[in-house]
Amino acid sequence: MTTQTFLTTDELSERIKYDTRTIRNQLKDSVLLEGVHYFRPFGGRKILFIWETIERDMRKVKPASSIDIPMSSGGICRV
């Protein structure tokens, strides 16, 4: 069984170094999805973020400078 760490918006802000307003206004519901990265206990206003899921998905993001070039053989060249 995997242990999950639940964080408030303030705690998440400290870990990912984004302002709490940025998390609530820009990341929530576009990058951080309800039911995947966060939930609202008892359907209330409070939001709890699931740290392990956010951390896992942060590792999947490629650097903005990387480019994928499709190859004729069907592969991909990453530059």
PDB file of N, CA and C in Angstrom:
ATOM      1  N   MET A   1       0.834  -1.182   0.000  1.00  0.00           N
ATOM      2  CA  MET A   1       0.000   0.000   0.000  1.00  0.00           C
ATOM      3  C   MET A   1       0.882   1.250   0.000  1.00  0.00           C
ATOM      4  N   THR A   2       0.578   2.188  -0.876  1.00  0.00           N
ATOM      5  CA  THR A   2       1.367   3.400  -1.017  1.00  0.00           C
ATOM      6  C   THR A   2       0.808   4.499  -0.119  1.00  0.00           C
ATOM      7  N   THR A   3       1.686   5.145   0.607  1.00  0.00           N
ATOM      8  CA  THR A   3       1.284   6.258   1.455  1.00  0.00           C
ATOM      9  C   THR A   3       1.220   7.521   0.618  1.00  0.00           C
ATOM     10  N   GLN A   4       0.169   8.310   0.791  1.00  0.00           N
ATOM     11  CA  GLN A   4       0.023   9.555   0.062  1.00  0.00           C
ATOM     12  C   GLN A   4       0.176  10.731   1.018  1.00  0.00           C
ATOM     13  N   THR A   5       0.815  11.773   0.523  1.00  0.00           N
ATOM     14  CA  THR A   5       1.004  12.990   1.290  1.00  0.00           C
ATOM     15  C   THR A   5       0.044  14.037   0.756  1.00  0.00           C
ATOM     16  N   PHE A   6      -0.816  14.546   1.612  1.00  0.00           N
ATOM     17  CA  PHE A   6      -1.782  15.563   1.218  1.00  0.00           C
ATOM     18  C   PHE A   6      -1.272  16.924   1.666  1.00  0.00           C
ATOM     19  N   LEU A   7      -1.282  17.886   0.746  1.00  0.00           N
ATOM     20  CA  LEU A   7      -0.760  19.219   1.019  1.00  0.00           C
ATOM     21  C   LEU A   7      -1.819  20.280   0.788  1.00  0.00           C
ATOM     22  N   THR A   8      -1.783  21.312   1.598  1.00  0.00           N
ATOM     23  CA  THR A   8      -2.623  22.480   1.346  1.00  0.00           C
ATOM     24  C   THR A   8      -1.971  23.297   0.231  1.00  0.00           C
ATOM     25  N   THR A   9      -2.651  24.314  -0.242  1.00  0.00           N
ATOM     26  CA  THR A   9      -2.086  25.173  -1.287  1.00  0.00           C
ATOM     27  C   THR A   9      -0.815  25.847  -0.794  1.00  0.00           C
ATOM     28  N   ASP A  10      -0.795  26.284   0.457  1.00  0.00           N
ATOM     29  CA  ASP A  10       0.410  26.925   1.008  1.00  0.00           C
ATOM     30  C   ASP A  10       1.586  25.954   1.062  1.00  0.00           C
ATOM     31  N   GLU A  11       1.341  24.723   1.471  1.00  0.00           N
ATOM     32  CA  GLU A  11       2.412  23.724   1.549  1.00  0.00           C
ATOM     33  C   GLU A  11       2.926  23.366   0.151  1.00  0.00           C
ATOM     34  N   LEU A  12       2.009  23.241  -0.809  1.00  0.00           N
ATOM     35  CA  LEU A  12       2.429  22.953  -2.184  1.00  0.00           C
ATOM     36  C   LEU A  12       3.250  24.115  -2.730  1.00  0.00           C
ATOM     37  N   SER A  13       2.853  25.322  -2.427  1.00  0.00           N
ATOM     38  CA  SER A  13       3.569  26.515  -2.859  1.00  0.00           C
ATOM     39  C   SER A  13       5.021  26.489  -2.394  1.00  0.00           C
ATOM     40  N   GLU A  14       5.255  26.077  -1.165  1.00  0.00           N
ATOM     41  CA  GLU A  14       6.615  25.983  -0.631  1.00  0.00           C
ATOM     42  C   GLU A  14       7.439  24.940  -1.372  1.00  0.00           C
ATOM     43  N   ARG A  15       6.808  23.837  -1.751  1.00  0.00           N
ATOM     44  CA  ARG A  15       7.549  22.751  -2.403  1.00  0.00           C
ATOM     45  C   ARG A  15       7.870  23.033  -3.867  1.00  0.00           C
ATOM     46  N   ILE A  16       6.936  23.623  -4.607  1.00  0.00           N
ATOM     47  CA  ILE A  16       7.176  23.830  -6.041  1.00  0.00           C
ATOM     48  C   ILE A  16       7.590  25.261  -6.363  1.00  0.00           C
ATOM     49  N   LYS A  17       7.683  26.103  -5.364  1.00  0.00           N
ATOM     50  CA  LYS A  17       8.171  27.484  -5.517  1.00  0.00           C
ATOM     51  C   LYS A  17       7.312  28.325  -6.455  1.00  0.00           C
ATOM     52  N   TYR A  18       6.002  28.141  -6.370  1.00  0.00           N
ATOM     53  CA  TYR A  18       5.037  28.993  -7.074  1.00  0.00           C
ATOM     54  C   TYR A  18       4.189  29.691  -6.026  1.00  0.00           C
ATOM     55  N   ASP A  19       3.767  30.907  -6.322  1.00  0.00           N
ATOM     56  CA  ASP A  19       2.890  31.646  -5.434  1.00  0.00           C
ATOM     57  C   ASP A  19       1.551  30.916  -5.309  1.00  0.00           C
ATOM     58  N   THR A  20       0.922  30.999  -4.143  1.00  0.00           N
ATOM     59  CA  THR A  20      -0.355  30.315  -3.934  1.00  0.00           C
ATOM     60  C   THR A  20      -1.418  30.801  -4.918  1.00  0.00           C
ATOM     61  N   ARG A  21      -1.406  32.090  -5.239  1.00  0.00           N
ATOM     62  CA  ARG A  21      -2.389  32.609  -6.206  1.00  0.00           C
ATOM     63  C   ARG A  21      -2.170  32.019  -7.594  1.00  0.00           C
ATOM     64  N   THR A  22      -0.909  31.820  -7.978  1.00  0.00           N
ATOM     65  CA  THR A  22      -0.604  31.208  -9.274  1.00  0.00           C
ATOM     66  C   THR A  22      -1.135  29.782  -9.316  1.00  0.00           C
ATOM     67  N   ILE A  23      -0.960  29.057  -8.225  1.00  0.00           N
ATOM     68  CA  ILE A  23      -1.458  27.672  -8.160  1.00  0.00           C
ATOM     69  C   ILE A  23      -2.976  27.667  -8.315  1.00  0.00           C
ATOM     70  N   ARG A  24      -3.668  28.515  -7.547  1.00  0.00           N
ATOM     71  CA  ARG A  24      -5.136  28.539  -7.580  1.00  0.00           C
ATOM     72  C   ARG A  24      -5.690  29.076  -8.901  1.00  0.00           C
ATOM     73  N   ASN A  25      -5.069  30.118  -9.449  1.00  0.00           N
ATOM     74  CA  ASN A  25      -5.649  30.797 -10.615  1.00  0.00           C
ATOM     75  C   ASN A  25      -5.169  30.273 -11.961  1.00  0.00           C
ATOM     76  N   GLN A  26      -3.956  29.716 -12.025  1.00  0.00           N
ATOM     77  CA  GLN A  26      -3.436  29.312 -13.326  1.00  0.00           C
ATOM     78  C   GLN A  26      -3.156  27.816 -13.448  1.00  0.00           C
ATOM     79  N   LEU A  27      -2.637  27.195 -12.405  1.00  0.00           N
ATOM     80  CA  LEU A  27      -2.288  25.772 -12.508  1.00  0.00           C
ATOM     81  C   LEU A  27      -3.463  24.849 -12.236  1.00  0.00           C
ATOM     82  N   LYS A  28      -4.304  25.232 -11.264  1.00  0.00           N
ATOM     83  CA  LYS A  28      -5.442  24.385 -10.906  1.00  0.00           C
ATOM     84  C   LYS A  28      -6.413  24.323 -12.080  1.00  0.00           C
ATOM     85  N   ASP A  29      -6.817  23.140 -12.434  1.00  0.00           N
ATOM     86  CA  ASP A  29      -7.765  22.847 -13.515  1.00  0.00           C
ATOM     87  C   ASP A  29      -7.190  23.012 -14.918  1.00  0.00           C
ATOM     88  N   SER A  30      -5.910  23.351 -15.049  1.00  0.00           N
ATOM     89  CA  SER A  30      -5.279  23.327 -16.369  1.00  0.00           C
ATOM     90  C   SER A  30      -4.102  22.354 -16.344  1.00  0.00           C
ATOM     91  N   VAL A  31      -3.237  22.487 -15.346  1.00  0.00           N
ATOM     92  CA  VAL A  31      -2.106  21.575 -15.185  1.00  0.00           C
ATOM     93  C   VAL A  31      -2.396  20.566 -14.074  1.00  0.00           C
ATOM     94  N   LEU A  32      -2.929  21.073 -12.976  1.00  0.00           N
ATOM     95  CA  LEU A  32      -3.299  20.217 -11.844  1.00  0.00           C
ATOM     96  C   LEU A  32      -4.792  19.933 -11.929  1.00  0.00           C
ATOM     97  N   LEU A  33      -5.137  18.682 -12.094  1.00  0.00           N
ATOM     98  CA  LEU A  33      -6.517  18.297 -12.363  1.00  0.00           C
ATOM     99  C   LEU A  33      -7.202  17.704 -11.139  1.00  0.00           C
ATOM    100  N   GLU A  34      -8.464  18.103 -10.939  1.00  0.00           N
ATOM    101  CA  GLU A  34      -9.247  17.567  -9.831  1.00  0.00           C
ATOM    102  C   GLU A  34      -9.482  16.075 -10.052  1.00  0.00           C
ATOM    103  N   GLY A  35      -9.296  15.309  -9.015  1.00  0.00           N
ATOM    104  CA  GLY A  35      -9.451  13.865  -9.102  1.00  0.00           C
ATOM    105  C   GLY A  35      -8.155  13.153  -9.456  1.00  0.00           C
ATOM    106  N   VAL A  36      -7.189  13.896  -9.966  1.00  0.00           N
ATOM    107  CA  VAL A  36      -5.874  13.323 -10.287  1.00  0.00           C
ATOM    108  C   VAL A  36      -4.823  13.902  -9.340  1.00  0.00           C
ATOM    109  N   HIS A  37      -4.705  15.221  -9.326  1.00  0.00           N
ATOM    110  CA  HIS A  37      -3.686  15.908  -8.534  1.00  0.00           C
ATOM    111  C   HIS A  37      -4.225  16.507  -7.235  1.00  0.00           C
ATOM    112  N   TYR A  38      -5.524  16.714  -7.168  1.00  0.00           N
ATOM    113  CA  TYR A  38      -6.099  17.266  -5.948  1.00  0.00           C
ATOM    114  C   TYR A  38      -7.550  16.826  -5.807  1.00  0.00           C
ATOM    115  N   PHE A  39      -8.064  17.021  -4.610  1.00  0.00           N
ATOM    116  CA  PHE A  39      -9.476  16.727  -4.343  1.00  0.00           C
ATOM    117  C   PHE A  39      -9.982  17.704  -3.295  1.00  0.00           C
ATOM    118  N   ARG A  40     -11.293  17.748  -3.178  1.00  0.00           N
ATOM    119  CA  ARG A  40     -11.960  18.597  -2.187  1.00  0.00           C
ATOM    120  C   ARG A  40     -12.644  17.667  -1.181  1.00  0.00           C
ATOM    121  N   PRO A  41     -12.073  17.567   0.027  1.00  0.00           N
ATOM    122  CA  PRO A  41     -12.690  16.675   1.010  1.00  0.00           C
ATOM    123  C   PRO A  41     -14.116  17.107   1.353  1.00  0.00           C
ATOM    124  N   PHE A  42     -15.002  16.162   1.344  1.00  0.00           N
ATOM    125  CA  PHE A  42     -16.417  16.375   1.683  1.00  0.00           C
ATOM    126  C   PHE A  42     -17.080  17.406   0.779  1.00  0.00           C
ATOM    127  N   GLY A  43     -16.555  17.608  -0.436  1.00  0.00           N
ATOM    128  CA  GLY A  43     -17.151  18.539  -1.385  1.00  0.00           C
ATOM    129  C   GLY A  43     -17.055  19.997  -0.978  1.00  0.00           C
ATOM    130  N   GLY A  44     -16.168  20.304  -0.036  1.00  0.00           N
ATOM    131  CA  GLY A  44     -16.040  21.668   0.471  1.00  0.00           C
ATOM    132  C   GLY A  44     -15.145  22.555  -0.378  1.00  0.00           C
ATOM    133  N   ARG A  45     -14.824  23.696   0.164  1.00  0.00           N
ATOM    134  CA  ARG A  45     -13.982  24.662  -0.538  1.00  0.00           C
ATOM    135  C   ARG A  45     -12.505  24.331  -0.406  1.00  0.00           C
ATOM    136  N   LYS A  46     -12.116  23.695   0.680  1.00  0.00           N
ATOM    137  CA  LYS A  46     -10.714  23.386   0.927  1.00  0.00           C
ATOM    138  C   LYS A  46     -10.200  22.415  -0.126  1.00  0.00           C
ATOM    139  N   ILE A  47      -8.965  22.626  -0.562  1.00  0.00           N
ATOM    140  CA  ILE A  47      -8.339  21.779  -1.575  1.00  0.00           C
ATOM    141  C   ILE A  47      -7.130  21.097  -0.952  1.00  0.00           C
ATOM    142  N   LEU A  48      -7.012  19.793  -1.166  1.00  0.00           N
ATOM    143  CA  LEU A  48      -5.829  19.050  -0.753  1.00  0.00           C
ATOM    144  C   LEU A  48      -5.170  18.459  -1.987  1.00  0.00           C
ATOM    145  N   PHE A  49      -3.890  18.751  -2.139  1.00  0.00           N
ATOM    146  CA  PHE A  49      -3.118  18.271  -3.280  1.00  0.00           C
ATOM    147  C   PHE A  49      -2.409  16.974  -2.910  1.00  0.00           C
ATOM    148  N   ILE A  50      -2.294  16.063  -3.863  1.00  0.00           N
ATOM    149  CA  ILE A  50      -1.644  14.771  -3.651  1.00  0.00           C
ATOM    150  C   ILE A  50      -0.211  14.893  -4.157  1.00  0.00           C
ATOM    151  N   TRP A  51       0.731  15.010  -3.223  1.00  0.00           N
ATOM    152  CA  TRP A  51       2.111  15.307  -3.575  1.00  0.00           C
ATOM    153  C   TRP A  51       2.742  14.250  -4.485  1.00  0.00           C
ATOM    154  N   GLU A  52       2.559  12.986  -4.204  1.00  0.00           N
ATOM    155  CA  GLU A  52       3.214  11.933  -5.000  1.00  0.00           C
ATOM    156  C   GLU A  52       2.778  11.986  -6.462  1.00  0.00           C
ATOM    157  N   THR A  53       1.525  12.269  -6.725  1.00  0.00           N
ATOM    158  CA  THR A  53       1.034  12.361  -8.099  1.00  0.00           C
ATOM    159  C   THR A  53       1.614  13.587  -8.799  1.00  0.00           C
ATOM    160  N   ILE A  54       1.660  14.705  -8.109  1.00  0.00           N
ATOM    161  CA  ILE A  54       2.225  15.924  -8.692  1.00  0.00           C
ATOM    162  C   ILE A  54       3.712  15.723  -8.971  1.00  0.00           C
ATOM    163  N   GLU A  55       4.424  15.145  -8.019  1.00  0.00           N
ATOM    164  CA  GLU A  55       5.857  14.899  -8.177  1.00  0.00           C
ATOM    165  C   GLU A  55       6.126  13.962  -9.359  1.00  0.00           C
ATOM    166  N   ARG A  56       5.320  12.909  -9.482  1.00  0.00           N
ATOM    167  CA  ARG A  56       5.471  11.961 -10.596  1.00  0.00           C
ATOM    168  C   ARG A  56       5.260  12.656 -11.936  1.00  0.00           C
ATOM    169  N   ASP A  57       4.212  13.468 -12.028  1.00  0.00           N
ATOM    170  CA  ASP A  57       3.909  14.132 -13.294  1.00  0.00           C
ATOM    171  C   ASP A  57       4.880  15.253 -13.612  1.00  0.00           C
ATOM    172  N   MET A  58       5.508  15.845 -12.600  1.00  0.00           N
ATOM    173  CA  MET A  58       6.520  16.876 -12.844  1.00  0.00           C
ATOM    174  C   MET A  58       7.736  16.272 -13.536  1.00  0.00           C
ATOM    175  N   ARG A  59       8.035  15.025 -13.240  1.00  0.00           N
ATOM    176  CA  ARG A  59       9.189  14.354 -13.864  1.00  0.00           C
ATOM    177  C   ARG A  59       8.946  14.047 -15.342  1.00  0.00           C
ATOM    178  N   LYS A  60       7.677  13.953 -15.743  1.00  0.00           N
ATOM    179  CA  LYS A  60       7.336  13.629 -17.126  1.00  0.00           C
ATOM    180  C   LYS A  60       7.504  14.815 -18.070  1.00  0.00           C
ATOM    181  N   VAL A  61       7.519  16.021 -17.534  1.00  0.00           N
ATOM    182  CA  VAL A  61       7.560  17.231 -18.360  1.00  0.00           C
ATOM    183  C   VAL A  61       8.948  17.381 -18.963  1.00  0.00           C
ATOM    184  N   LYS A  62       8.992  17.590 -20.286  1.00  0.00           N
ATOM    185  CA  LYS A  62      10.263  17.788 -20.965  1.00  0.00           C
ATOM    186  C   LYS A  62      10.676  19.251 -20.845  1.00  0.00           C
ATOM    187  N   PRO A  63      11.970  19.512 -20.906  1.00  0.00           N
ATOM    188  CA  PRO A  63      12.413  20.899 -20.897  1.00  0.00           C
ATOM    189  C   PRO A  63      11.862  21.639 -22.110  1.00  0.00           C
ATOM    190  N   ALA A  64      11.596  22.919 -21.955  1.00  0.00           N
ATOM    191  CA  ALA A  64      11.026  23.722 -23.038  1.00  0.00           C
ATOM    192  C   ALA A  64      11.956  23.776 -24.245  1.00  0.00           C
ATOM    193  N   SER A  65      13.254  23.587 -24.027  1.00  0.00           N
ATOM    194  CA  SER A  65      14.203  23.684 -25.133  1.00  0.00           C
ATOM    195  C   SER A  65      14.310  22.396 -25.946  1.00  0.00           C
ATOM    196  N   SER A  66      13.725  21.285 -25.474  1.00  0.00           N
ATOM    197  CA  SER A  66      13.849  20.036 -26.217  1.00  0.00           C
ATOM    198  C   SER A  66      12.876  20.009 -27.397  1.00  0.00           C
ATOM    199  N   ILE A  67      13.340  19.436 -28.492  1.00  0.00           N
ATOM    200  CA  ILE A  67      12.541  19.369 -29.720  1.00  0.00           C
ATOM    201  C   ILE A  67      12.500  17.913 -30.179  1.00  0.00           C
ATOM    202  N   ASP A  68      11.338  17.431 -30.564  1.00  0.00           N
ATOM    203  CA  ASP A  68      11.199  16.083 -31.117  1.00  0.00           C
ATOM    204  C   ASP A  68      11.090  16.180 -32.628  1.00  0.00           C
ATOM    205  N   ILE A  69      11.995  15.480 -33.325  1.00  0.00           N
ATOM    206  CA  ILE A  69      11.978  15.465 -34.786  1.00  0.00           C
ATOM    207  C   ILE A  69      11.563  14.073 -35.239  1.00  0.00           C
ATOM    208  N   PRO A  70      10.437  13.962 -35.973  1.00  0.00           N
ATOM    209  CA  PRO A  70      10.025  12.633 -36.449  1.00  0.00           C
ATOM    210  C   PRO A  70      10.991  12.120 -37.512  1.00  0.00           C
ATOM    211  N   MET A  71      11.311  10.833 -37.425  1.00  0.00           N
ATOM    212  CA  MET A  71      12.222  10.202 -38.375  1.00  0.00           C
ATOM    213  C   MET A  71      11.414   9.367 -39.366  1.00  0.00           C
ATOM    214  N   SER A  72      11.962   9.184 -40.562  1.00  0.00           N
ATOM    215  CA  SER A  72      11.252   8.432 -41.602  1.00  0.00           C
ATOM    216  C   SER A  72      11.026   6.977 -41.193  1.00  0.00           C
ATOM    217  N   SER A  73      11.870   6.455 -40.301  1.00  0.00           N
ATOM    218  CA  SER A  73      11.713   5.071 -39.853  1.00  0.00           C
ATOM    219  C   SER A  73      10.597   4.923 -38.816  1.00  0.00           C
ATOM    220  N   GLY A  74      10.015   6.049 -38.400  1.00  0.00           N
ATOM    221  CA  GLY A  74       8.944   6.000 -37.403  1.00  0.00           C
ATOM    222  C   GLY A  74       9.414   6.364 -36.012  1.00  0.00           C
ATOM    223  N   GLY A  75      10.720   6.505 -35.835  1.00  0.00           N
ATOM    224  CA  GLY A  75      11.261   6.886 -34.528  1.00  0.00           C
ATOM    225  C   GLY A  75      11.235   8.387 -34.327  1.00  0.00           C
ATOM    226  N   ILE A  76      11.776   8.809 -33.212  1.00  0.00           N
ATOM    227  CA  ILE A  76      11.834  10.225 -32.881  1.00  0.00           C
ATOM    228  C   ILE A  76      13.251  10.578 -32.461  1.00  0.00           C
ATOM    229  N   CYS A  77      13.760  11.661 -33.012  1.00  0.00           N
ATOM    230  CA  CYS A  77      15.068  12.184 -32.608  1.00  0.00           C
ATOM    231  C   CYS A  77      14.815  13.343 -31.647  1.00  0.00           C
ATOM    232  N   ARG A  78      15.334  13.233 -30.439  1.00  0.00           N
ATOM    233  CA  ARG A  78      15.151  14.299 -29.445  1.00  0.00           C
ATOM    234  C   ARG A  78      16.391  15.168 -29.421  1.00  0.00           C
ATOM    235  N   VAL A  79      16.204  16.459 -29.677  1.00  0.00           N
ATOM    236  CA  VAL A  79      17.315  17.411 -29.729  1.00  0.00           C
ATOM    237  C   VAL A  79      17.261  18.299 -28.520  1.00  0.00           C
TER     238      VAL A  79
END
